[in-house]
Amino acid sequence: MTWSPSTGSDSQVRVARTAWQPGAHRNALDEPRPFSDQFATYFDRFEQVLDAVLERFETNYFEICGRLEELLAILSPGPDHAEMLL
């Protein structure tokens, strides 16, 4: 299974992959890397990225749920109402 981003250019994806991938895996079956200040900084930055992604998801999720609730209240939605989903 491969990851296919829905947004961002190929170069943005390459930069993101290059920036995060080296710290994500150990080398083959070698021992895990020792815990260091460098790894702690790396992990803290990665956690900040995940926090930002989750924040955006939560914000959009509740916005979309609000729109869906508005649509559910309409007895006979028409084509104009479909634009509310965009």
N, C-alpha and C. Protein backbone atom coordinates (compact mmCIF):
# COMPACT_ATOMS: atom_id res chain seq x y z
N MET A 1 0.84 -1.17 0.00
CA MET A 1 0.00 0.00 0.00
C MET A 1 0.89 1.23 0.00
N THR A 2 0.63 2.16 -0.87
CA THR A 2 1.42 3.38 -0.91
C THR A 2 0.59 4.56 -0.50
N TRP A 3 1.24 5.55 0.06
CA TRP A 3 0.57 6.76 0.51
C TRP A 3 0.43 7.70 -0.67
N SER A 4 -0.78 8.18 -0.88
CA SER A 4 -1.04 9.10 -1.98
C SER A 4 -1.63 10.38 -1.40
N PRO A 5 -0.85 11.46 -1.35
CA PRO A 5 -1.37 12.68 -0.74
C PRO A 5 -2.46 13.30 -1.60
N SER A 6 -3.44 13.89 -0.94
CA SER A 6 -4.51 14.54 -1.70
C SER A 6 -4.19 16.01 -1.93
N THR A 7 -3.24 16.55 -1.19
CA THR A 7 -2.84 17.93 -1.38
C THR A 7 -1.32 18.00 -1.36
N GLY A 8 -0.79 19.08 -1.89
CA GLY A 8 0.65 19.27 -1.88
C GLY A 8 1.28 18.77 -3.16
N SER A 9 2.33 19.45 -3.55
CA SER A 9 3.04 19.07 -4.77
C SER A 9 3.96 17.90 -4.50
N ASP A 10 4.44 17.29 -5.57
CA ASP A 10 5.38 16.18 -5.42
C ASP A 10 6.62 16.62 -4.65
N SER A 11 7.10 17.83 -4.91
CA SER A 11 8.30 18.29 -4.22
C SER A 11 8.04 18.47 -2.73
N GLN A 12 6.83 18.93 -2.35
CA GLN A 12 6.51 19.06 -0.93
C GLN A 12 6.48 17.69 -0.26
N VAL A 13 5.95 16.70 -0.96
CA VAL A 13 5.90 15.35 -0.41
C VAL A 13 7.31 14.81 -0.24
N ARG A 14 8.18 15.03 -1.24
CA ARG A 14 9.56 14.55 -1.14
C ARG A 14 10.28 15.21 0.03
N VAL A 15 10.08 16.51 0.22
CA VAL A 15 10.73 17.22 1.33
C VAL A 15 10.25 16.65 2.65
N ALA A 16 8.94 16.44 2.78
CA ALA A 16 8.39 15.90 4.02
C ALA A 16 8.93 14.49 4.28
N ARG A 17 8.96 13.67 3.24
CA ARG A 17 9.45 12.30 3.40
C ARG A 17 10.93 12.30 3.77
N THR A 18 11.71 13.16 3.12
CA THR A 18 13.14 13.24 3.39
C THR A 18 13.40 13.73 4.80
N ALA A 19 12.58 14.66 5.27
CA ALA A 19 12.79 15.24 6.59
C ALA A 19 12.45 14.27 7.72
N TRP A 20 11.41 13.47 7.56
CA TRP A 20 10.94 12.64 8.67
C TRP A 20 11.36 11.18 8.60
N GLN A 21 11.60 10.67 7.43
CA GLN A 21 11.84 9.23 7.29
C GLN A 21 13.10 8.72 8.00
N PRO A 22 14.23 9.42 7.96
CA PRO A 22 15.43 8.84 8.57
C PRO A 22 15.28 8.51 10.05
N GLY A 23 14.54 9.29 10.79
CA GLY A 23 14.40 9.01 12.21
C GLY A 23 13.31 8.02 12.53
N ALA A 24 12.54 7.66 11.54
CA ALA A 24 11.38 6.81 11.78
C ALA A 24 11.74 5.33 11.90
N HIS A 25 12.82 4.91 11.32
CA HIS A 25 13.14 3.48 11.28
C HIS A 25 14.59 3.23 11.67
N ARG A 26 14.79 2.08 12.28
CA ARG A 26 16.17 1.68 12.53
C ARG A 26 16.75 1.08 11.27
N ASN A 27 18.03 0.91 11.22
CA ASN A 27 18.71 0.38 10.05
C ASN A 27 18.58 -1.15 10.05
N ALA A 28 17.73 -1.66 9.15
CA ALA A 28 17.51 -3.10 9.01
C ALA A 28 17.19 -3.71 10.38
N LEU A 29 17.94 -4.72 10.78
CA LEU A 29 17.68 -5.36 12.06
C LEU A 29 18.70 -4.96 13.12
N ASP A 30 19.38 -3.84 12.89
CA ASP A 30 20.32 -3.34 13.90
C ASP A 30 19.58 -2.97 15.18
N GLU A 31 20.35 -2.82 16.22
CA GLU A 31 19.79 -2.38 17.50
C GLU A 31 19.14 -1.00 17.31
N PRO A 32 18.10 -0.71 18.05
CA PRO A 32 17.52 0.64 17.97
C PRO A 32 18.57 1.68 18.36
N ARG A 33 18.42 2.87 17.78
CA ARG A 33 19.34 3.96 18.12
C ARG A 33 19.18 4.32 19.59
N PRO A 34 20.26 4.75 20.22
CA PRO A 34 20.14 5.16 21.62
C PRO A 34 19.33 6.46 21.72
N PHE A 35 18.67 6.63 22.85
CA PHE A 35 17.91 7.85 23.09
C PHE A 35 18.91 8.98 23.34
N SER A 36 18.74 10.07 22.62
CA SER A 36 19.67 11.20 22.74
C SER A 36 18.88 12.50 22.71
N ASP A 37 19.58 13.60 22.99
CA ASP A 37 18.95 14.91 22.91
C ASP A 37 18.48 15.20 21.48
N GLN A 38 19.25 14.74 20.51
CA GLN A 38 18.88 14.94 19.10
C GLN A 38 17.57 14.21 18.79
N PHE A 39 17.44 12.98 19.28
CA PHE A 39 16.21 12.24 19.05
C PHE A 39 15.04 12.87 19.79
N ALA A 40 15.27 13.34 21.00
CA ALA A 40 14.21 14.00 21.76
C ALA A 40 13.70 15.24 21.02
N THR A 41 14.62 16.00 20.44
CA THR A 41 14.24 17.18 19.65
C THR A 41 13.46 16.75 18.42
N TYR A 42 13.93 15.73 17.73
CA TYR A 42 13.26 15.19 16.55
C TYR A 42 11.84 14.75 16.90
N PHE A 43 11.72 14.00 17.99
CA PHE A 43 10.41 13.48 18.38
C PHE A 43 9.47 14.61 18.79
N ASP A 44 10.00 15.61 19.48
CA ASP A 44 9.19 16.77 19.87
C ASP A 44 8.66 17.50 18.65
N ARG A 45 9.51 17.70 17.64
CA ARG A 45 9.07 18.36 16.40
C ARG A 45 8.00 17.53 15.69
N PHE A 46 8.19 16.22 15.66
CA PHE A 46 7.21 15.34 15.01
C PHE A 46 5.87 15.40 15.75
N GLU A 47 5.93 15.43 17.07
CA GLU A 47 4.71 15.54 17.86
C GLU A 47 3.99 16.87 17.61
N GLN A 48 4.76 17.94 17.40
CA GLN A 48 4.16 19.24 17.08
C GLN A 48 3.43 19.18 15.74
N VAL A 49 4.01 18.47 14.78
CA VAL A 49 3.35 18.30 13.48
C VAL A 49 2.03 17.55 13.65
N LEU A 50 2.07 16.47 14.42
CA LEU A 50 0.84 15.70 14.65
C LEU A 50 -0.21 16.54 15.37
N ASP A 51 0.21 17.35 16.34
CA ASP A 51 -0.73 18.24 17.04
C ASP A 51 -1.39 19.21 16.07
N ALA A 52 -0.61 19.77 15.15
CA ALA A 52 -1.15 20.72 14.17
C ALA A 52 -2.14 20.03 13.23
N VAL A 53 -1.80 18.82 12.79
CA VAL A 53 -2.69 18.07 11.90
C VAL A 53 -3.99 17.74 12.62
N LEU A 54 -3.90 17.29 13.86
CA LEU A 54 -5.10 16.96 14.63
C LEU A 54 -5.96 18.19 14.85
N GLU A 55 -5.34 19.32 15.14
CA GLU A 55 -6.09 20.56 15.34
C GLU A 55 -6.88 20.93 14.09
N ARG A 56 -6.23 20.85 12.93
CA ARG A 56 -6.93 21.15 11.66
C ARG A 56 -8.07 20.16 11.42
N PHE A 57 -7.82 18.90 11.70
CA PHE A 57 -8.86 17.89 11.51
C PHE A 57 -10.05 18.17 12.41
N GLU A 58 -9.79 18.44 13.69
CA GLU A 58 -10.88 18.71 14.63
C GLU A 58 -11.68 19.93 14.20
N THR A 59 -11.00 20.98 13.79
CA THR A 59 -11.69 22.20 13.36
C THR A 59 -12.58 21.92 12.17
N ASN A 60 -12.06 21.25 11.17
CA ASN A 60 -12.84 20.94 9.97
C ASN A 60 -13.95 19.95 10.25
N TYR A 61 -13.70 19.00 11.12
CA TYR A 61 -14.69 17.98 11.43
C TYR A 61 -15.95 18.63 12.00
N PHE A 62 -15.79 19.50 12.98
CA PHE A 62 -16.95 20.12 13.60
C PHE A 62 -17.65 21.09 12.64
N GLU A 63 -16.90 21.74 11.78
CA GLU A 63 -17.51 22.62 10.78
C GLU A 63 -18.38 21.81 9.82
N ILE A 64 -17.85 20.70 9.36
CA ILE A 64 -18.60 19.84 8.43
C ILE A 64 -19.83 19.25 9.13
N CYS A 65 -19.68 18.81 10.37
CA CYS A 65 -20.84 18.27 11.10
C CYS A 65 -21.93 19.32 11.24
N GLY A 66 -21.55 20.57 11.48
CA GLY A 66 -22.53 21.66 11.56
C GLY A 66 -23.27 21.84 10.25
N ARG A 67 -22.54 21.79 9.15
CA ARG A 67 -23.18 21.92 7.84
C ARG A 67 -24.14 20.76 7.57
N LEU A 68 -23.72 19.55 7.94
CA LEU A 68 -24.58 18.39 7.72
C LEU A 68 -25.85 18.49 8.56
N GLU A 69 -25.73 18.98 9.78
CA GLU A 69 -26.91 19.15 10.63
C GLU A 69 -27.87 20.17 10.03
N GLU A 70 -27.33 21.24 9.44
CA GLU A 70 -28.18 22.23 8.77
C GLU A 70 -28.91 21.58 7.59
N LEU A 71 -28.20 20.77 6.83
CA LEU A 71 -28.83 20.10 5.68
C LEU A 71 -29.90 19.10 6.12
N LEU A 72 -29.65 18.41 7.22
CA LEU A 72 -30.63 17.44 7.70
C LEU A 72 -31.93 18.12 8.13
N ALA A 73 -31.84 19.37 8.53
CA ALA A 73 -33.03 20.11 8.97
C ALA A 73 -33.89 20.57 7.79
N ILE A 74 -33.36 20.52 6.58
CA ILE A 74 -34.09 20.95 5.39
C ILE A 74 -34.93 19.78 4.88
N LEU A 75 -36.24 19.99 4.78
CA LEU A 75 -37.13 18.90 4.37
C LEU A 75 -36.92 18.47 2.93
N SER A 76 -36.71 19.43 2.03
CA SER A 76 -36.54 19.10 0.61
C SER A 76 -35.30 19.83 0.06
N PRO A 77 -34.13 19.30 0.34
CA PRO A 77 -32.92 19.98 -0.16
C PRO A 77 -32.86 19.94 -1.69
N GLY A 78 -32.36 21.01 -2.25
CA GLY A 78 -32.23 21.11 -3.70
C GLY A 78 -30.77 21.26 -4.10
N PRO A 79 -30.52 21.47 -5.38
CA PRO A 79 -29.14 21.61 -5.88
C PRO A 79 -28.37 22.76 -5.20
N ASP A 80 -29.07 23.83 -4.87
CA ASP A 80 -28.39 24.95 -4.22
C ASP A 80 -27.83 24.55 -2.86
N HIS A 81 -28.51 23.62 -2.20
CA HIS A 81 -28.04 23.18 -0.88
C HIS A 81 -26.77 22.34 -0.99
N ALA A 82 -26.56 21.71 -2.12
CA ALA A 82 -25.36 20.88 -2.30
C ALA A 82 -24.09 21.72 -2.18
N GLU A 83 -24.20 23.01 -2.53
CA GLU A 83 -23.03 23.88 -2.42
C GLU A 83 -22.58 24.05 -0.97
N MET A 84 -23.45 23.79 -0.03
CA MET A 84 -23.09 23.90 1.38
C MET A 84 -22.02 22.86 1.75
N LEU A 85 -21.90 21.83 0.97
CA LEU A 85 -20.92 20.78 1.25
C LEU A 85 -19.53 21.10 0.76
N LEU A 86 -19.41 22.14 -0.04
CA LEU A 86 -18.10 22.49 -0.60
C LEU A 86 -17.33 23.40 0.31
